Amino acid sequence: RIYEAGGITEPTDELLATTTGQYQADSMSLYRALHARDAKIVEGIPRLASLTRLPDLRREGSVVTLAACVDSASVVLRGDGGYLSRGRVISERLYFVRNGETLKIQSSQWKELSSC
């Protein structure tokens, strides 16, 4: 929804409920940059191709790690001033920490792939 709206300047309730720390800060930097360019998805749909738990992998105090692969190769973003960007296929490890009674994404590692 954030990409369809052209970015945001402040975290949404959903972002606050599911993220924390550096992951939230990095996400907001990206979303603010999209907002500044009024960049929106004009073609394609990002697709979650896989989601896998990695039970033996921990980082920076994380308690759960998930591996996700998102295929956004069909996505086109357009914005002000002729801005144009094409989606990519991204494999990402998401590191969750306990925050009260919930789990939130604290950090991640990602790399671009040719396919999921």
C-alpha atoms as a PDB file:
ATOM      1  CA  ARG A   1       0.000   0.000   0.000  1.00  0.00           C
ATOM      2  CA  ILE A   2       2.870   2.393   0.732  1.00  0.00           C
ATOM      3  CA  TYR A   3       4.234   1.972  -2.790  1.00  0.00           C
ATOM      4  CA  GLU A   4       0.775   2.488  -4.285  1.00  0.00           C
ATOM      5  CA  ALA A   5       0.337   5.683  -2.229  1.00  0.00           C
ATOM      6  CA  GLY A   6       3.629   7.201  -3.358  1.00  0.00           C
ATOM      7  CA  GLY A   7       5.492   6.756  -0.084  1.00  0.00           C
ATOM      8  CA  ILE A   8       4.885   8.199   3.379  1.00  0.00           C
ATOM      9  CA  THR A   9       6.492  10.765   5.663  1.00  0.00           C
ATOM     10  CA  GLU A  10       5.602   9.175   9.027  1.00  0.00           C
ATOM     11  CA  PRO A  11       5.370   5.497  10.037  1.00  0.00           C
ATOM     12  CA  THR A  12       1.963   3.872   9.661  1.00  0.00           C
ATOM     13  CA  ASP A  13       0.354   2.011  12.561  1.00  0.00           C
ATOM     14  CA  GLU A  14       1.208  -1.258  10.776  1.00  0.00           C
ATOM     15  CA  LEU A  15       4.870  -0.298  10.411  1.00  0.00           C
ATOM     16  CA  LEU A  16       5.064   0.670  14.096  1.00  0.00           C
ATOM     17  CA  ALA A  17       3.395  -2.600  15.101  1.00  0.00           C
ATOM     18  CA  THR A  18       5.725  -4.842  13.072  1.00  0.00           C
ATOM     19  CA  THR A  19       9.146  -3.114  12.976  1.00  0.00           C
ATOM     20  CA  THR A  20      11.680  -1.484  15.277  1.00  0.00           C
ATOM     21  CA  GLY A  21      15.224  -0.168  15.354  1.00  0.00           C
ATOM     22  CA  GLN A  22      17.376   0.001  12.256  1.00  0.00           C
ATOM     23  CA  TYR A  23      14.875  -1.862  10.068  1.00  0.00           C
ATOM     24  CA  GLN A  24      12.194   0.730  10.790  1.00  0.00           C
ATOM     25  CA  ALA A  25      14.643   3.602  10.247  1.00  0.00           C
ATOM     26  CA  ASP A  26      15.854   2.153   6.923  1.00  0.00           C
ATOM     27  CA  SER A  27      12.284   1.497   5.782  1.00  0.00           C
ATOM     28  CA  MET A  28      11.246   5.065   6.579  1.00  0.00           C
ATOM     29  CA  SER A  29      14.239   6.460   4.669  1.00  0.00           C
ATOM     30  CA  LEU A  30      13.081   4.551   1.597  1.00  0.00           C
ATOM     31  CA  TYR A  31       9.420   5.526   2.041  1.00  0.00           C
ATOM     32  CA  ARG A  32      10.299   9.213   2.506  1.00  0.00           C
ATOM     33  CA  ALA A  33      12.410   9.121  -0.657  1.00  0.00           C
ATOM     34  CA  LEU A  34       9.448   7.640  -2.557  1.00  0.00           C
ATOM     35  CA  HIS A  35       7.194  10.364  -1.139  1.00  0.00           C
ATOM     36  CA  ALA A  36       9.631  13.114  -2.147  1.00  0.00           C
ATOM     37  CA  ARG A  37       9.479  11.848  -5.753  1.00  0.00           C
ATOM     38  CA  ASP A  38       5.778  10.941  -5.586  1.00  0.00           C
ATOM     39  CA  ALA A  39       6.899   7.542  -6.890  1.00  0.00           C
ATOM     40  CA  LYS A  40       4.055   5.026  -7.204  1.00  0.00           C
ATOM     41  CA  ILE A  41       3.591   1.550  -8.604  1.00  0.00           C
ATOM     42  CA  VAL A  42       2.017   1.996 -12.026  1.00  0.00           C
ATOM     43  CA  GLU A  43       2.480  -1.548 -13.296  1.00  0.00           C
ATOM     44  CA  GLY A  44       2.859  -5.031 -11.824  1.00  0.00           C
ATOM     45  CA  ILE A  45       2.388  -6.508  -8.369  1.00  0.00           C
ATOM     46  CA  PRO A  46       5.106  -7.589  -5.897  1.00  0.00           C
ATOM     47  CA  ARG A  47       4.737 -11.304  -5.147  1.00  0.00           C
ATOM     48  CA  LEU A  48       5.885 -13.111  -2.011  1.00  0.00           C
ATOM     49  CA  ALA A  49       7.315 -16.247  -3.617  1.00  0.00           C
ATOM     50  CA  SER A  50       8.585 -17.970  -0.469  1.00  0.00           C
ATOM     51  CA  LEU A  51       8.729 -17.570   3.293  1.00  0.00           C
ATOM     52  CA  THR A  52      10.823 -19.950   5.389  1.00  0.00           C
ATOM     53  CA  ARG A  53      11.797 -20.055   9.058  1.00  0.00           C
ATOM     54  CA  LEU A  54      15.535 -20.310   9.741  1.00  0.00           C
ATOM     55  CA  PRO A  55      15.525 -21.795  13.270  1.00  0.00           C
ATOM     56  CA  ASP A  56      19.305 -21.920  13.783  1.00  0.00           C
ATOM     57  CA  LEU A  57      20.138 -18.410  12.577  1.00  0.00           C
ATOM     58  CA  ARG A  58      20.347 -15.481  15.031  1.00  0.00           C
ATOM     59  CA  ARG A  59      21.712 -11.936  14.826  1.00  0.00           C
ATOM     60  CA  GLU A  60      21.870  -8.978  17.227  1.00  0.00           C
ATOM     61  CA  GLY A  61      19.674 -10.598  19.882  1.00  0.00           C
ATOM     62  CA  SER A  62      17.043 -11.858  17.462  1.00  0.00           C
ATOM     63  CA  VAL A  63      14.762 -14.691  18.575  1.00  0.00           C
ATOM     64  CA  VAL A  64      13.283 -15.633  15.182  1.00  0.00           C
ATOM     65  CA  THR A  65      14.664 -15.399  11.652  1.00  0.00           C
ATOM     66  CA  LEU A  66      12.648 -15.716   8.458  1.00  0.00           C
ATOM     67  CA  ALA A  67      13.883 -15.920   4.884  1.00  0.00           C
ATOM     68  CA  ALA A  68      11.619 -14.286   2.322  1.00  0.00           C
ATOM     69  CA  CYS A  69      11.892 -14.034  -1.426  1.00  0.00           C
ATOM     70  CA  VAL A  70       9.870 -11.293  -3.096  1.00  0.00           C
ATOM     71  CA  ASP A  71       9.562 -11.170  -6.870  1.00  0.00           C
ATOM     72  CA  SER A  72       8.890  -7.602  -7.977  1.00  0.00           C
ATOM     73  CA  ALA A  73      10.373  -8.003 -11.451  1.00  0.00           C
ATOM     74  CA  SER A  74       7.043  -7.024 -13.056  1.00  0.00           C
ATOM     75  CA  VAL A  75       6.799  -3.791 -11.024  1.00  0.00           C
ATOM     76  CA  VAL A  76       7.328  -0.337 -12.517  1.00  0.00           C
ATOM     77  CA  LEU A  77       7.499   2.781 -10.319  1.00  0.00           C
ATOM     78  CA  ARG A  78       6.987   6.239 -11.818  1.00  0.00           C
ATOM     79  CA  GLY A  79       7.280   9.601 -10.133  1.00  0.00           C
ATOM     80  CA  ASP A  80       7.872  13.301 -10.569  1.00  0.00           C
ATOM     81  CA  GLY A  81      10.533  14.614 -12.916  1.00  0.00           C
ATOM     82  CA  GLY A  82      10.580  11.515 -15.098  1.00  0.00           C
ATOM     83  CA  TYR A  83      11.590   9.210 -12.228  1.00  0.00           C
ATOM     84  CA  LEU A  84      11.364   5.576 -13.332  1.00  0.00           C
ATOM     85  CA  SER A  85      12.425   2.444 -11.469  1.00  0.00           C
ATOM     86  CA  ARG A  86      11.897  -1.240 -12.153  1.00  0.00           C
ATOM     87  CA  GLY A  87      11.338  -3.840  -9.469  1.00  0.00           C
ATOM     88  CA  ARG A  88      13.805  -6.581  -8.616  1.00  0.00           C
ATOM     89  CA  VAL A  89      13.825 -10.061  -7.157  1.00  0.00           C
ATOM     90  CA  ILE A  90      15.053  -9.828  -3.563  1.00  0.00           C
ATOM     91  CA  SER A  91      15.963 -12.534  -1.072  1.00  0.00           C
ATOM     92  CA  GLU A  92      15.852 -11.144   2.454  1.00  0.00           C
ATOM     93  CA  ARG A  93      16.584 -12.508   5.918  1.00  0.00           C
ATOM     94  CA  LEU A  94      14.371 -10.830   8.506  1.00  0.00           C
ATOM     95  CA  TYR A  95      15.554 -10.831  12.122  1.00  0.00           C
ATOM     96  CA  PHE A  96      12.820 -10.522  14.763  1.00  0.00           C
ATOM     97  CA  VAL A  97      13.243  -9.427  18.370  1.00  0.00           C
ATOM     98  CA  ARG A  98      10.801  -9.693  21.238  1.00  0.00           C
ATOM     99  CA  ASN A  99       9.146  -6.356  22.017  1.00  0.00           C
ATOM    100  CA  GLY A 100       6.847  -6.801  24.979  1.00  0.00           C
ATOM    101  CA  GLU A 101       4.467  -9.573  23.974  1.00  0.00           C
ATOM    102  CA  THR A 102       5.057  -9.195  20.241  1.00  0.00           C
ATOM    103  CA  LEU A 103       7.786  -9.884  17.713  1.00  0.00           C
ATOM    104  CA  LYS A 104       9.087  -7.076  15.510  1.00  0.00           C
ATOM    105  CA  ILE A 105      11.571  -6.990  12.647  1.00  0.00           C
ATOM    106  CA  GLN A 106      14.730  -5.311  13.938  1.00  0.00           C
ATOM    107  CA  SER A 107      17.148  -5.854  11.073  1.00  0.00           C
ATOM    108  CA  SER A 108      17.570  -7.623   7.765  1.00  0.00           C
ATOM    109  CA  GLN A 109      20.076  -8.717   5.168  1.00  0.00           C
ATOM    110  CA  TRP A 110      19.157  -8.874   1.500  1.00  0.00           C
ATOM    111  CA  LYS A 111      20.551  -9.664  -1.895  1.00  0.00           C
ATOM    112  CA  GLU A 112      19.280  -9.442  -5.423  1.00  0.00           C
ATOM    113  CA  LEU A 113      18.583 -12.701  -7.284  1.00  0.00           C
ATOM    114  CA  SER A 114      17.663 -13.589 -10.832  1.00  0.00           C
ATOM    115  CA  SER A 115      14.646 -15.573  -9.578  1.00  0.00           C
ATOM    116  CA  CYS A 116      13.118 -16.966  -6.420  1.00  0.00           C
END
